[in-house]
N, C-alpha and C. Protein backbone atom coordinates (compact mmCIF):
# COMPACT_ATOMS: atom_id res chain seq x y z
N UNK A 1 -0.71 -29.37 36.92
CA UNK A 1 0.43 -29.10 37.79
C UNK A 1 0.82 -27.65 37.63
N UNK A 2 1.01 -26.97 38.73
CA UNK A 2 1.36 -25.56 38.71
C UNK A 2 2.70 -25.34 39.38
N UNK A 3 3.49 -24.42 38.78
CA UNK A 3 4.78 -24.04 39.35
C UNK A 3 4.67 -22.62 39.85
N UNK A 4 5.07 -22.37 41.07
CA UNK A 4 5.01 -21.04 41.67
C UNK A 4 6.29 -20.27 41.33
N UNK A 5 6.13 -19.23 40.52
CA UNK A 5 7.29 -18.44 40.09
C UNK A 5 7.22 -17.01 40.62
N UNK A 6 6.50 -16.79 41.69
CA UNK A 6 6.31 -15.43 42.20
C UNK A 6 7.61 -14.79 42.65
N UNK A 7 8.62 -15.58 42.97
CA UNK A 7 9.89 -15.00 43.42
C UNK A 7 10.59 -14.27 42.29
N UNK A 8 10.36 -14.72 41.06
CA UNK A 8 11.00 -14.08 39.91
C UNK A 8 12.49 -14.35 39.81
N UNK A 9 12.98 -15.33 40.58
CA UNK A 9 14.43 -15.60 40.58
C UNK A 9 14.77 -17.06 40.28
N UNK A 10 13.80 -17.96 40.42
CA UNK A 10 14.08 -19.38 40.24
C UNK A 10 14.53 -19.67 38.81
N UNK A 11 15.63 -20.42 38.67
CA UNK A 11 16.13 -20.81 37.36
C UNK A 11 16.05 -22.32 37.15
N UNK A 12 15.75 -23.06 38.23
CA UNK A 12 15.64 -24.52 38.12
C UNK A 12 14.60 -24.99 39.13
N UNK A 13 13.63 -25.74 38.67
CA UNK A 13 12.56 -26.23 39.53
C UNK A 13 12.51 -27.75 39.46
N UNK A 14 12.57 -28.38 40.64
CA UNK A 14 12.44 -29.83 40.73
C UNK A 14 10.98 -30.15 41.04
N UNK A 15 10.40 -31.07 40.28
CA UNK A 15 8.99 -31.40 40.46
C UNK A 15 8.78 -32.17 41.76
N UNK A 16 7.66 -31.85 42.40
CA UNK A 16 7.30 -32.48 43.67
C UNK A 16 5.86 -32.98 43.56
N UNK A 17 5.55 -34.17 44.10
CA UNK A 17 4.17 -34.68 44.02
C UNK A 17 3.13 -33.70 44.55
N UNK A 18 3.52 -32.83 45.46
CA UNK A 18 2.56 -31.87 46.00
C UNK A 18 2.09 -30.86 44.96
N UNK A 19 2.88 -30.73 43.87
CA UNK A 19 2.49 -29.78 42.81
C UNK A 19 1.33 -30.31 41.97
N UNK A 20 1.08 -31.60 42.02
CA UNK A 20 0.08 -32.21 41.16
C UNK A 20 -1.28 -32.18 41.83
N UNK A 21 -2.25 -31.61 41.14
CA UNK A 21 -3.62 -31.54 41.65
C UNK A 21 -4.52 -32.38 40.75
N UNK A 22 -5.34 -33.27 41.37
CA UNK A 22 -6.25 -34.10 40.61
C UNK A 22 -7.70 -33.71 40.85
N UNK A 23 -8.62 -34.36 40.15
CA UNK A 23 -10.04 -34.07 40.35
C UNK A 23 -10.46 -34.32 41.80
N UNK A 24 -11.40 -33.52 42.26
CA UNK A 24 -11.87 -33.66 43.63
C UNK A 24 -12.48 -35.06 43.85
N UNK A 25 -12.08 -35.71 44.97
CA UNK A 25 -12.61 -37.03 45.31
C UNK A 25 -11.81 -38.18 44.72
N UNK A 26 -10.79 -37.86 43.89
CA UNK A 26 -9.98 -38.91 43.27
C UNK A 26 -8.66 -39.02 44.02
N UNK A 27 -8.34 -40.24 44.46
CA UNK A 27 -7.07 -40.48 45.14
C UNK A 27 -6.08 -41.08 44.15
N UNK A 28 -4.87 -40.53 44.14
CA UNK A 28 -3.85 -41.05 43.22
C UNK A 28 -2.48 -40.90 43.86
N UNK A 29 -1.51 -41.54 43.26
CA UNK A 29 -0.14 -41.49 43.74
C UNK A 29 0.78 -41.19 42.57
N UNK A 30 1.70 -40.24 42.73
CA UNK A 30 2.67 -39.91 41.69
C UNK A 30 3.85 -40.86 41.82
N UNK A 31 4.11 -41.62 40.76
CA UNK A 31 5.21 -42.58 40.78
C UNK A 31 6.50 -41.98 40.24
N UNK A 32 6.38 -41.13 39.22
CA UNK A 32 7.61 -40.64 38.59
C UNK A 32 7.32 -39.39 37.77
N UNK A 33 8.30 -38.49 37.67
CA UNK A 33 8.26 -37.33 36.77
C UNK A 33 9.29 -37.54 35.67
N UNK A 34 8.90 -37.29 34.44
CA UNK A 34 9.84 -37.41 33.33
C UNK A 34 9.62 -36.24 32.37
N UNK A 35 10.49 -35.27 32.36
CA UNK A 35 11.74 -35.17 33.13
C UNK A 35 11.45 -34.81 34.59
N UNK A 36 12.40 -35.00 35.47
CA UNK A 36 12.16 -34.75 36.91
C UNK A 36 12.21 -33.27 37.29
N UNK A 37 12.68 -32.43 36.36
CA UNK A 37 12.82 -31.00 36.67
C UNK A 37 12.74 -30.19 35.39
N UNK A 38 12.71 -28.87 35.52
CA UNK A 38 12.65 -27.98 34.37
C UNK A 38 13.48 -26.75 34.65
N UNK A 39 14.17 -26.26 33.60
CA UNK A 39 14.94 -25.02 33.73
C UNK A 39 14.05 -23.83 33.37
N UNK A 40 14.21 -22.73 34.06
CA UNK A 40 13.43 -21.52 33.84
C UNK A 40 14.34 -20.43 33.28
N UNK A 41 13.96 -19.86 32.14
CA UNK A 41 14.71 -18.75 31.55
C UNK A 41 13.90 -17.47 31.73
N UNK A 42 14.53 -16.43 32.23
CA UNK A 42 13.86 -15.15 32.47
C UNK A 42 14.33 -14.13 31.44
N UNK A 43 13.39 -13.33 30.96
CA UNK A 43 13.71 -12.25 30.03
C UNK A 43 13.06 -10.96 30.48
N UNK A 44 13.72 -9.85 30.14
CA UNK A 44 13.12 -8.55 30.45
C UNK A 44 11.88 -8.34 29.60
N UNK A 45 10.84 -7.79 30.21
CA UNK A 45 9.62 -7.48 29.46
C UNK A 45 9.73 -6.06 28.92
N UNK A 46 9.50 -5.91 27.61
CA UNK A 46 9.60 -4.59 26.98
C UNK A 46 8.33 -4.30 26.19
N UNK A 47 8.18 -3.04 25.82
CA UNK A 47 7.08 -2.60 24.98
C UNK A 47 7.66 -1.87 23.78
N UNK A 48 7.16 -2.20 22.60
CA UNK A 48 7.71 -1.62 21.37
C UNK A 48 6.59 -1.39 20.37
N UNK A 49 6.68 -0.28 19.59
CA UNK A 49 5.72 0.00 18.53
C UNK A 49 6.12 -0.76 17.27
N UNK A 50 5.16 -1.48 16.71
CA UNK A 50 5.42 -2.33 15.54
C UNK A 50 4.46 -1.93 14.41
N UNK A 51 4.95 -1.77 13.16
CA UNK A 51 4.09 -1.38 12.04
C UNK A 51 2.99 -2.40 11.77
N UNK A 52 1.85 -1.90 11.30
CA UNK A 52 0.72 -2.75 10.91
C UNK A 52 0.80 -3.00 9.41
N UNK A 53 0.64 -4.24 9.00
CA UNK A 53 0.64 -4.60 7.58
C UNK A 53 -0.77 -5.01 7.17
N UNK A 54 -1.25 -4.45 6.05
CA UNK A 54 -2.59 -4.76 5.55
C UNK A 54 -2.50 -5.14 4.08
N UNK A 55 -3.18 -6.21 3.71
CA UNK A 55 -3.25 -6.61 2.31
C UNK A 55 -4.69 -6.56 1.83
N UNK A 56 -4.87 -6.67 0.51
CA UNK A 56 -6.22 -6.68 -0.07
C UNK A 56 -6.46 -8.02 -0.74
N UNK A 57 -7.72 -8.43 -0.79
CA UNK A 57 -8.09 -9.66 -1.48
C UNK A 57 -9.22 -9.36 -2.47
N UNK A 58 -9.28 -10.18 -3.52
CA UNK A 58 -10.30 -10.08 -4.56
C UNK A 58 -10.12 -8.81 -5.39
N UNK A 59 -11.09 -8.47 -6.24
CA UNK A 59 -10.95 -7.37 -7.20
C UNK A 59 -12.12 -6.40 -7.10
N UNK A 60 -11.86 -5.09 -7.31
CA UNK A 60 -12.96 -4.12 -7.34
C UNK A 60 -13.79 -4.28 -8.61
N UNK A 61 -14.78 -3.41 -8.77
CA UNK A 61 -15.64 -3.46 -9.95
C UNK A 61 -14.82 -3.28 -11.23
N UNK A 62 -15.37 -3.73 -12.35
CA UNK A 62 -14.67 -3.62 -13.64
C UNK A 62 -14.34 -2.16 -13.94
N UNK A 63 -13.09 -1.93 -14.39
CA UNK A 63 -12.65 -0.58 -14.73
C UNK A 63 -12.07 0.19 -13.56
N UNK A 64 -11.95 -0.45 -12.40
CA UNK A 64 -11.42 0.22 -11.21
C UNK A 64 -10.27 -0.60 -10.63
N UNK A 65 -9.36 0.10 -9.94
CA UNK A 65 -8.21 -0.55 -9.32
C UNK A 65 -8.00 0.04 -7.92
N UNK A 66 -7.23 -0.69 -7.11
CA UNK A 66 -6.84 -0.19 -5.79
C UNK A 66 -5.70 0.80 -5.97
N UNK A 67 -5.86 2.00 -5.40
CA UNK A 67 -4.83 3.03 -5.52
C UNK A 67 -3.88 2.95 -4.32
N UNK A 68 -2.62 2.68 -4.59
CA UNK A 68 -1.63 2.61 -3.53
C UNK A 68 -1.89 1.47 -2.57
N UNK A 69 -1.40 1.63 -1.36
CA UNK A 69 -1.56 0.62 -0.32
C UNK A 69 -2.60 1.07 0.70
N UNK A 70 -3.33 0.14 1.30
CA UNK A 70 -4.28 0.51 2.35
C UNK A 70 -3.56 1.22 3.50
N UNK A 71 -4.23 2.20 4.11
CA UNK A 71 -3.65 2.97 5.20
C UNK A 71 -4.29 2.55 6.52
N UNK A 72 -3.43 2.24 7.50
CA UNK A 72 -3.91 1.81 8.81
C UNK A 72 -3.87 2.97 9.80
N UNK A 73 -4.90 3.06 10.62
CA UNK A 73 -4.96 4.06 11.69
C UNK A 73 -5.27 3.34 13.02
N UNK A 74 -4.29 3.26 13.94
CA UNK A 74 -2.95 3.82 13.85
C UNK A 74 -2.05 2.98 12.93
N UNK A 75 -0.97 3.59 12.41
CA UNK A 75 -0.07 2.84 11.53
C UNK A 75 0.79 1.85 12.29
N UNK A 76 0.93 2.05 13.62
CA UNK A 76 1.71 1.14 14.46
C UNK A 76 0.90 0.78 15.70
N UNK A 77 1.16 -0.41 16.24
CA UNK A 77 0.51 -0.85 17.47
C UNK A 77 1.57 -1.16 18.51
N UNK A 78 1.18 -1.14 19.77
CA UNK A 78 2.10 -1.39 20.88
C UNK A 78 2.09 -2.87 21.23
N UNK A 79 3.28 -3.47 21.23
CA UNK A 79 3.42 -4.90 21.56
C UNK A 79 4.28 -5.03 22.81
N UNK A 80 3.78 -5.75 23.82
CA UNK A 80 4.48 -5.96 25.08
C UNK A 80 4.73 -7.45 25.27
N UNK A 81 5.94 -7.79 25.71
CA UNK A 81 6.26 -9.19 25.95
C UNK A 81 7.74 -9.38 26.18
N UNK A 82 8.24 -10.64 26.17
CA UNK A 82 9.67 -10.90 26.37
C UNK A 82 10.52 -10.21 25.31
N UNK A 83 11.65 -9.67 25.73
CA UNK A 83 12.50 -8.91 24.82
C UNK A 83 12.88 -9.73 23.59
N UNK A 84 13.20 -11.02 23.78
CA UNK A 84 13.64 -11.84 22.66
C UNK A 84 12.58 -11.99 21.59
N UNK A 85 11.31 -11.94 21.95
CA UNK A 85 10.23 -12.07 20.97
C UNK A 85 9.83 -10.72 20.39
N UNK A 86 9.75 -9.70 21.26
CA UNK A 86 9.30 -8.38 20.80
C UNK A 86 10.34 -7.73 19.90
N UNK A 87 11.61 -7.89 20.22
CA UNK A 87 12.67 -7.21 19.47
C UNK A 87 12.76 -7.68 18.03
N UNK A 88 12.39 -8.92 17.74
CA UNK A 88 12.53 -9.45 16.38
C UNK A 88 11.23 -9.33 15.58
N UNK A 89 10.17 -8.83 16.19
CA UNK A 89 8.88 -8.73 15.51
C UNK A 89 8.93 -7.56 14.51
N UNK A 90 8.77 -7.86 13.22
CA UNK A 90 8.88 -6.85 12.17
C UNK A 90 7.56 -6.16 11.86
N UNK A 91 6.45 -6.88 11.99
CA UNK A 91 5.14 -6.31 11.65
C UNK A 91 4.05 -7.13 12.33
N UNK A 92 2.88 -6.49 12.43
CA UNK A 92 1.69 -7.18 12.91
C UNK A 92 0.66 -7.09 11.78
N UNK A 93 0.16 -8.21 11.34
CA UNK A 93 -0.77 -8.23 10.22
C UNK A 93 -2.20 -7.98 10.68
N UNK A 94 -2.93 -7.25 9.88
CA UNK A 94 -4.37 -7.08 10.08
C UNK A 94 -5.10 -8.01 9.13
N UNK A 95 -6.38 -8.20 9.35
CA UNK A 95 -7.18 -8.98 8.42
C UNK A 95 -7.08 -8.37 7.02
N UNK A 96 -7.20 -9.19 6.00
CA UNK A 96 -7.15 -8.68 4.63
C UNK A 96 -8.40 -7.85 4.33
N UNK A 97 -8.21 -6.80 3.54
CA UNK A 97 -9.30 -5.91 3.15
C UNK A 97 -9.94 -6.46 1.87
N UNK A 98 -11.20 -6.83 1.93
CA UNK A 98 -11.91 -7.39 0.77
C UNK A 98 -12.49 -6.25 -0.07
N UNK A 99 -11.99 -6.11 -1.30
CA UNK A 99 -12.42 -4.99 -2.16
C UNK A 99 -13.42 -5.44 -3.23
N UNK A 100 -14.02 -6.60 -3.07
CA UNK A 100 -14.93 -7.14 -4.07
C UNK A 100 -16.02 -6.14 -4.47
N UNK A 101 -16.06 -5.82 -5.78
CA UNK A 101 -17.14 -5.00 -6.33
C UNK A 101 -17.11 -3.53 -6.00
N UNK A 102 -16.06 -3.04 -5.34
CA UNK A 102 -16.02 -1.62 -4.96
C UNK A 102 -15.72 -0.75 -6.17
N UNK A 103 -16.35 0.44 -6.21
CA UNK A 103 -16.09 1.42 -7.26
C UNK A 103 -15.32 2.60 -6.67
N UNK A 104 -15.24 3.70 -7.40
CA UNK A 104 -14.39 4.82 -7.01
C UNK A 104 -14.80 5.40 -5.66
N UNK A 105 -13.80 5.64 -4.80
CA UNK A 105 -14.06 6.22 -3.49
C UNK A 105 -13.08 5.72 -2.45
N UNK A 106 -13.23 6.22 -1.21
CA UNK A 106 -12.42 5.79 -0.08
C UNK A 106 -13.30 5.00 0.88
N UNK A 107 -12.76 3.87 1.37
CA UNK A 107 -13.55 2.96 2.18
C UNK A 107 -12.82 2.65 3.48
N UNK A 108 -13.29 3.20 4.63
CA UNK A 108 -12.69 2.85 5.91
C UNK A 108 -13.40 1.64 6.53
N UNK A 109 -12.63 0.74 7.14
CA UNK A 109 -13.20 -0.43 7.81
C UNK A 109 -12.38 -0.74 9.06
N UNK A 110 -13.05 -1.29 10.05
CA UNK A 110 -12.36 -1.77 11.25
C UNK A 110 -11.96 -3.22 11.03
N UNK A 111 -10.66 -3.50 11.18
CA UNK A 111 -10.14 -4.84 10.96
C UNK A 111 -9.40 -5.31 12.22
N UNK A 112 -9.54 -6.58 12.52
CA UNK A 112 -8.86 -7.17 13.67
C UNK A 112 -7.42 -7.51 13.32
N UNK A 113 -6.55 -7.48 14.32
CA UNK A 113 -5.15 -7.86 14.12
C UNK A 113 -5.00 -9.37 14.31
N UNK A 114 -3.95 -9.92 13.71
CA UNK A 114 -3.69 -11.34 13.81
C UNK A 114 -3.40 -11.72 15.27
N UNK A 115 -3.63 -12.99 15.59
CA UNK A 115 -3.33 -13.48 16.92
C UNK A 115 -1.84 -13.77 17.03
N UNK A 116 -1.21 -13.19 18.05
CA UNK A 116 0.20 -13.42 18.30
C UNK A 116 0.35 -14.48 19.39
N UNK A 117 1.57 -14.98 19.61
CA UNK A 117 1.77 -15.94 20.70
C UNK A 117 1.23 -15.41 22.03
N UNK A 118 0.84 -16.33 22.91
CA UNK A 118 0.21 -15.94 24.18
C UNK A 118 1.12 -15.08 25.04
N UNK A 119 2.43 -15.13 24.79
CA UNK A 119 3.37 -14.34 25.60
C UNK A 119 3.39 -12.87 25.20
N UNK A 120 2.72 -12.52 24.09
CA UNK A 120 2.72 -11.13 23.61
C UNK A 120 1.35 -10.50 23.76
N UNK A 121 1.33 -9.23 24.13
CA UNK A 121 0.08 -8.48 24.26
C UNK A 121 0.11 -7.31 23.30
N UNK A 122 -0.95 -7.15 22.50
CA UNK A 122 -1.02 -6.10 21.49
C UNK A 122 -2.09 -5.09 21.86
N UNK A 123 -1.77 -3.80 21.72
CA UNK A 123 -2.72 -2.72 21.99
C UNK A 123 -2.63 -1.68 20.87
N UNK A 124 -3.76 -1.33 20.22
CA UNK A 124 -5.10 -1.92 20.34
C UNK A 124 -5.19 -3.23 19.57
N UNK A 125 -6.31 -3.92 19.70
CA UNK A 125 -6.49 -5.20 19.02
C UNK A 125 -7.14 -5.04 17.64
N UNK A 126 -7.65 -3.84 17.35
CA UNK A 126 -8.28 -3.55 16.05
C UNK A 126 -7.74 -2.23 15.52
N UNK A 127 -7.74 -2.08 14.20
CA UNK A 127 -7.31 -0.83 13.57
C UNK A 127 -8.34 -0.44 12.51
N UNK A 128 -8.36 0.85 12.17
CA UNK A 128 -9.20 1.34 11.08
C UNK A 128 -8.35 1.40 9.82
N UNK A 129 -8.74 0.66 8.80
CA UNK A 129 -7.99 0.61 7.54
C UNK A 129 -8.81 1.27 6.44
N UNK A 130 -8.18 2.19 5.72
CA UNK A 130 -8.84 2.89 4.61
C UNK A 130 -8.18 2.51 3.30
N UNK A 131 -9.01 2.05 2.36
CA UNK A 131 -8.54 1.69 1.03
C UNK A 131 -9.19 2.62 0.00
N UNK A 132 -8.38 3.13 -0.94
CA UNK A 132 -8.91 4.01 -1.98
C UNK A 132 -9.01 3.26 -3.30
N UNK A 133 -10.18 3.38 -3.93
CA UNK A 133 -10.42 2.76 -5.23
C UNK A 133 -10.52 3.87 -6.27
N UNK A 134 -9.80 3.72 -7.36
CA UNK A 134 -9.81 4.74 -8.41
C UNK A 134 -10.03 4.07 -9.77
N UNK A 135 -10.35 4.88 -10.76
CA UNK A 135 -10.54 4.34 -12.11
C UNK A 135 -9.22 3.82 -12.66
N UNK A 136 -9.29 2.73 -13.37
CA UNK A 136 -8.11 2.16 -13.99
C UNK A 136 -7.62 3.06 -15.12
N UNK A 137 -6.32 3.28 -15.20
CA UNK A 137 -5.76 4.09 -16.28
C UNK A 137 -4.61 3.33 -16.94
N UNK A 138 -4.32 3.72 -18.18
CA UNK A 138 -3.23 3.09 -18.92
C UNK A 138 -2.47 4.17 -19.67
N UNK A 139 -1.27 3.85 -20.10
CA UNK A 139 -0.45 4.80 -20.85
C UNK A 139 -0.16 4.26 -22.25
N UNK A 140 -0.01 5.22 -23.19
CA UNK A 140 0.34 4.84 -24.56
C UNK A 140 1.15 5.96 -25.19
N UNK A 141 2.29 5.64 -25.78
CA UNK A 141 3.10 6.67 -26.43
C UNK A 141 2.72 6.85 -27.90
N UNK A 142 2.84 8.09 -28.35
CA UNK A 142 2.66 8.43 -29.77
C UNK A 142 3.90 9.22 -30.17
N UNK A 143 4.68 8.70 -31.07
CA UNK A 143 5.97 9.33 -31.40
C UNK A 143 5.92 10.05 -32.73
N UNK A 144 6.75 11.11 -32.83
CA UNK A 144 6.96 11.88 -34.05
C UNK A 144 5.65 12.36 -34.67
N UNK A 145 4.86 13.04 -33.85
CA UNK A 145 3.62 13.62 -34.35
C UNK A 145 3.89 15.04 -34.84
N UNK A 146 3.43 15.42 -36.04
CA UNK A 146 3.66 16.78 -36.56
C UNK A 146 2.87 17.81 -35.74
N UNK A 147 3.50 18.97 -35.51
CA UNK A 147 2.88 20.05 -34.75
C UNK A 147 2.10 20.94 -35.71
N UNK A 148 0.83 21.20 -35.39
CA UNK A 148 -0.03 22.06 -36.20
C UNK A 148 -0.03 23.46 -35.60
N UNK A 149 0.14 24.47 -36.44
CA UNK A 149 0.11 25.86 -36.00
C UNK A 149 -1.28 26.43 -36.27
N UNK A 150 -1.94 26.88 -35.21
CA UNK A 150 -3.28 27.46 -35.33
C UNK A 150 -3.15 28.99 -35.33
N UNK A 151 -3.71 29.66 -36.33
CA UNK A 151 -3.64 31.11 -36.42
C UNK A 151 -2.74 31.60 -37.52
N UNK A 152 -1.71 30.82 -37.86
CA UNK A 152 -0.80 31.15 -38.96
C UNK A 152 -0.52 29.86 -39.74
N UNK A 153 -1.36 29.52 -40.68
CA UNK A 153 -1.25 28.24 -41.38
C UNK A 153 0.10 28.00 -42.05
N UNK A 154 0.77 29.08 -42.49
CA UNK A 154 2.02 28.90 -43.20
C UNK A 154 3.24 28.90 -42.28
N UNK A 155 3.04 29.06 -40.98
CA UNK A 155 4.16 29.09 -40.04
C UNK A 155 4.78 27.69 -39.89
N UNK A 156 6.04 27.64 -39.49
CA UNK A 156 6.77 26.40 -39.26
C UNK A 156 7.22 26.33 -37.80
N UNK A 157 7.36 25.13 -37.32
CA UNK A 157 7.83 24.96 -35.93
C UNK A 157 9.17 24.25 -35.90
N UNK A 158 9.94 24.53 -34.87
CA UNK A 158 11.23 23.89 -34.66
C UNK A 158 11.27 23.36 -33.23
N UNK A 159 11.29 22.05 -33.04
CA UNK A 159 11.23 21.00 -34.05
C UNK A 159 9.84 20.90 -34.67
N UNK A 160 9.77 20.18 -35.78
CA UNK A 160 8.50 20.05 -36.49
C UNK A 160 7.63 18.94 -35.90
N UNK A 161 8.24 18.02 -35.12
CA UNK A 161 7.51 16.89 -34.54
C UNK A 161 7.80 16.76 -33.05
N UNK A 162 6.85 16.21 -32.32
CA UNK A 162 7.01 15.99 -30.88
C UNK A 162 6.52 14.58 -30.54
N UNK A 163 6.89 14.12 -29.36
CA UNK A 163 6.40 12.85 -28.83
C UNK A 163 5.34 13.13 -27.76
N UNK A 164 4.30 12.33 -27.76
CA UNK A 164 3.20 12.52 -26.80
C UNK A 164 2.95 11.20 -26.07
N UNK A 165 2.80 11.27 -24.76
CA UNK A 165 2.41 10.11 -23.96
C UNK A 165 1.07 10.40 -23.30
N UNK A 166 0.06 9.61 -23.60
CA UNK A 166 -1.28 9.81 -23.05
C UNK A 166 -1.55 8.84 -21.91
N UNK A 167 -2.17 9.37 -20.87
CA UNK A 167 -2.63 8.56 -19.74
C UNK A 167 -4.15 8.67 -19.69
N UNK A 168 -4.84 7.56 -19.92
CA UNK A 168 -6.29 7.57 -20.09
C UNK A 168 -6.89 6.28 -19.52
N UNK A 169 -8.22 6.25 -19.36
CA UNK A 169 -8.88 4.98 -19.08
C UNK A 169 -8.61 4.01 -20.23
N UNK A 170 -8.42 2.72 -19.94
CA UNK A 170 -8.06 1.75 -20.99
C UNK A 170 -9.02 1.73 -22.16
N UNK A 171 -10.32 1.90 -21.89
CA UNK A 171 -11.28 1.83 -22.99
C UNK A 171 -11.12 2.99 -23.96
N UNK A 172 -10.60 4.13 -23.49
CA UNK A 172 -10.34 5.28 -24.37
C UNK A 172 -9.14 4.97 -25.28
N UNK A 173 -8.06 4.46 -24.68
CA UNK A 173 -6.85 4.20 -25.45
C UNK A 173 -7.06 3.10 -26.49
N UNK A 174 -7.88 2.12 -26.16
CA UNK A 174 -8.07 1.01 -27.10
C UNK A 174 -8.64 1.47 -28.45
N UNK A 175 -9.51 2.48 -28.42
CA UNK A 175 -10.12 2.94 -29.66
C UNK A 175 -9.48 4.17 -30.25
N UNK A 176 -8.34 4.61 -29.70
CA UNK A 176 -7.73 5.86 -30.14
C UNK A 176 -6.75 5.60 -31.29
N UNK A 177 -6.88 6.40 -32.37
CA UNK A 177 -5.96 6.31 -33.51
C UNK A 177 -4.95 7.46 -33.43
N UNK A 178 -3.79 7.24 -34.04
CA UNK A 178 -2.72 8.24 -33.98
C UNK A 178 -3.15 9.57 -34.58
N UNK A 179 -3.96 9.54 -35.65
CA UNK A 179 -4.38 10.79 -36.30
C UNK A 179 -5.33 11.61 -35.43
N UNK A 180 -5.87 11.00 -34.36
CA UNK A 180 -6.74 11.75 -33.46
C UNK A 180 -5.96 12.53 -32.40
N UNK A 181 -4.67 12.26 -32.31
CA UNK A 181 -3.81 12.98 -31.35
C UNK A 181 -3.08 14.06 -32.13
N UNK A 182 -3.48 15.31 -31.91
CA UNK A 182 -2.96 16.43 -32.71
C UNK A 182 -2.26 17.44 -31.80
N UNK A 183 -0.93 17.46 -31.78
CA UNK A 183 -0.22 18.52 -31.06
C UNK A 183 -0.38 19.84 -31.80
N UNK A 184 -0.59 20.95 -31.05
CA UNK A 184 -0.81 22.23 -31.73
C UNK A 184 -0.22 23.37 -30.90
N UNK A 185 0.07 24.45 -31.59
CA UNK A 185 0.42 25.70 -30.93
C UNK A 185 -0.52 26.76 -31.47
N UNK A 186 -0.88 27.71 -30.62
CA UNK A 186 -1.83 28.75 -31.02
C UNK A 186 -1.11 30.10 -31.08
N UNK A 187 -1.17 30.75 -32.25
CA UNK A 187 -0.49 32.03 -32.48
C UNK A 187 -1.54 33.13 -32.62
N UNK A 188 -1.35 34.19 -31.88
CA UNK A 188 -2.26 35.34 -31.96
C UNK A 188 -1.56 36.59 -32.48
N UNK A 189 -0.27 36.48 -32.78
CA UNK A 189 0.51 37.64 -33.23
C UNK A 189 -0.01 38.17 -34.57
N UNK A 190 -0.03 39.51 -34.70
CA UNK A 190 -0.47 40.17 -35.95
C UNK A 190 0.71 40.66 -36.79
N UNK A 191 1.93 40.41 -36.32
CA UNK A 191 3.11 40.89 -37.04
C UNK A 191 3.27 40.13 -38.35
N UNK A 192 3.87 40.79 -39.34
CA UNK A 192 4.05 40.19 -40.66
C UNK A 192 5.05 39.04 -40.61
N UNK A 193 6.06 39.16 -39.76
CA UNK A 193 7.07 38.10 -39.62
C UNK A 193 7.54 38.09 -38.17
N UNK A 194 7.98 36.92 -37.74
CA UNK A 194 8.45 36.85 -36.36
C UNK A 194 8.83 35.43 -35.97
N UNK A 195 9.27 35.33 -34.72
CA UNK A 195 9.68 34.03 -34.16
C UNK A 195 9.35 34.04 -32.66
N UNK A 196 8.61 33.05 -32.21
CA UNK A 196 8.20 32.98 -30.80
C UNK A 196 8.22 31.54 -30.31
N UNK A 197 8.45 31.39 -29.01
CA UNK A 197 8.38 30.07 -28.38
C UNK A 197 6.99 29.90 -27.79
N UNK A 198 6.36 28.75 -28.04
CA UNK A 198 5.00 28.50 -27.56
C UNK A 198 4.88 27.08 -26.99
N UNK A 199 4.05 26.91 -25.98
CA UNK A 199 3.81 25.55 -25.47
C UNK A 199 3.01 24.72 -26.46
N UNK A 200 3.27 23.43 -26.46
CA UNK A 200 2.54 22.52 -27.34
C UNK A 200 1.33 21.99 -26.58
N UNK A 201 0.16 22.10 -27.18
CA UNK A 201 -1.10 21.69 -26.54
C UNK A 201 -1.62 20.41 -27.18
N UNK A 202 -2.12 19.50 -26.32
CA UNK A 202 -2.76 18.27 -26.81
C UNK A 202 -4.02 18.06 -25.98
N UNK A 203 -5.15 17.95 -26.63
CA UNK A 203 -6.43 17.78 -25.93
C UNK A 203 -7.11 16.50 -26.40
N UNK A 204 -7.21 15.53 -25.49
CA UNK A 204 -7.95 14.29 -25.75
C UNK A 204 -8.87 14.08 -24.55
N UNK A 205 -10.15 13.93 -24.81
CA UNK A 205 -11.13 13.82 -23.74
C UNK A 205 -10.79 12.70 -22.76
N UNK A 206 -10.80 13.04 -21.45
CA UNK A 206 -10.57 12.11 -20.34
C UNK A 206 -9.13 11.58 -20.29
N UNK A 207 -8.20 12.31 -20.94
CA UNK A 207 -6.80 11.89 -20.95
C UNK A 207 -5.90 13.02 -20.49
N UNK A 208 -4.77 12.64 -19.88
CA UNK A 208 -3.71 13.59 -19.58
C UNK A 208 -2.58 13.37 -20.57
N UNK A 209 -2.02 14.48 -21.07
CA UNK A 209 -0.98 14.39 -22.10
C UNK A 209 0.34 14.93 -21.57
N UNK A 210 1.41 14.19 -21.85
CA UNK A 210 2.77 14.63 -21.54
C UNK A 210 3.51 14.76 -22.86
N UNK A 211 3.97 15.98 -23.19
CA UNK A 211 4.57 16.27 -24.50
C UNK A 211 6.05 16.52 -24.34
N UNK A 212 6.86 15.95 -25.23
CA UNK A 212 8.31 16.16 -25.27
C UNK A 212 8.72 16.51 -26.70
N UNK A 213 9.32 17.73 -26.91
CA UNK A 213 9.52 18.79 -25.92
C UNK A 213 8.20 19.52 -25.62
N UNK A 214 8.16 20.15 -24.47
CA UNK A 214 6.90 20.79 -24.03
C UNK A 214 6.60 22.06 -24.80
N UNK A 215 7.61 22.67 -25.44
CA UNK A 215 7.38 23.89 -26.24
C UNK A 215 8.24 23.84 -27.50
N UNK A 216 7.82 24.61 -28.49
CA UNK A 216 8.56 24.68 -29.76
C UNK A 216 8.70 26.14 -30.17
N UNK A 217 9.62 26.40 -31.08
CA UNK A 217 9.80 27.75 -31.63
C UNK A 217 8.99 27.83 -32.92
N UNK A 218 8.16 28.86 -33.03
CA UNK A 218 7.32 29.06 -34.23
C UNK A 218 7.92 30.22 -35.02
N UNK A 219 8.12 30.00 -36.32
CA UNK A 219 8.65 31.04 -37.21
C UNK A 219 7.68 31.27 -38.34
N UNK A 220 7.48 32.54 -38.67
CA UNK A 220 6.62 32.88 -39.81
C UNK A 220 7.13 34.13 -40.52
């Protein structure tokens, strides 16, 4: 049964037997409609840009992690449909990005968008999603480590100890002992006595070091 709504103004339609079409060659009679009529609600059709949401599934190769959130290109898609449906739409989901076994690098893929109700039209229907995989890192604090003065063995530092936070691959931190983390300052002065402020240096292979305080006063 088809209802003709080409006028764009009808708000109430009463069913009529002439609306019912049956298979060719079959004779039938309409006895009753239940319900006998239907109300028509009209809404303005609008177009709105809606953000794309992308998730990841599974895990990359051992020792690697997903960096940040996957990036969609375009980040938003155009949705057209009834105002009541389009206005409340918060996001359009794309297929999940499968990161199984991926190692370090950036990986672009074309992913389809989820199916929305038939009353909504989405443009485009696919997006390019890029996911970045990076090496897994961990942090570990080392507190109250004595500062070593290189170049003037008898010199003293103020303060005498600093705190160090290392950011490294987990396998490095697991085997690292506190005595292997040595904060140092390097003095090249030839004066018999003096006082200078110097940055504190910490060198651990494949690690980034954050030192507090970042510099100390050296006296000799």
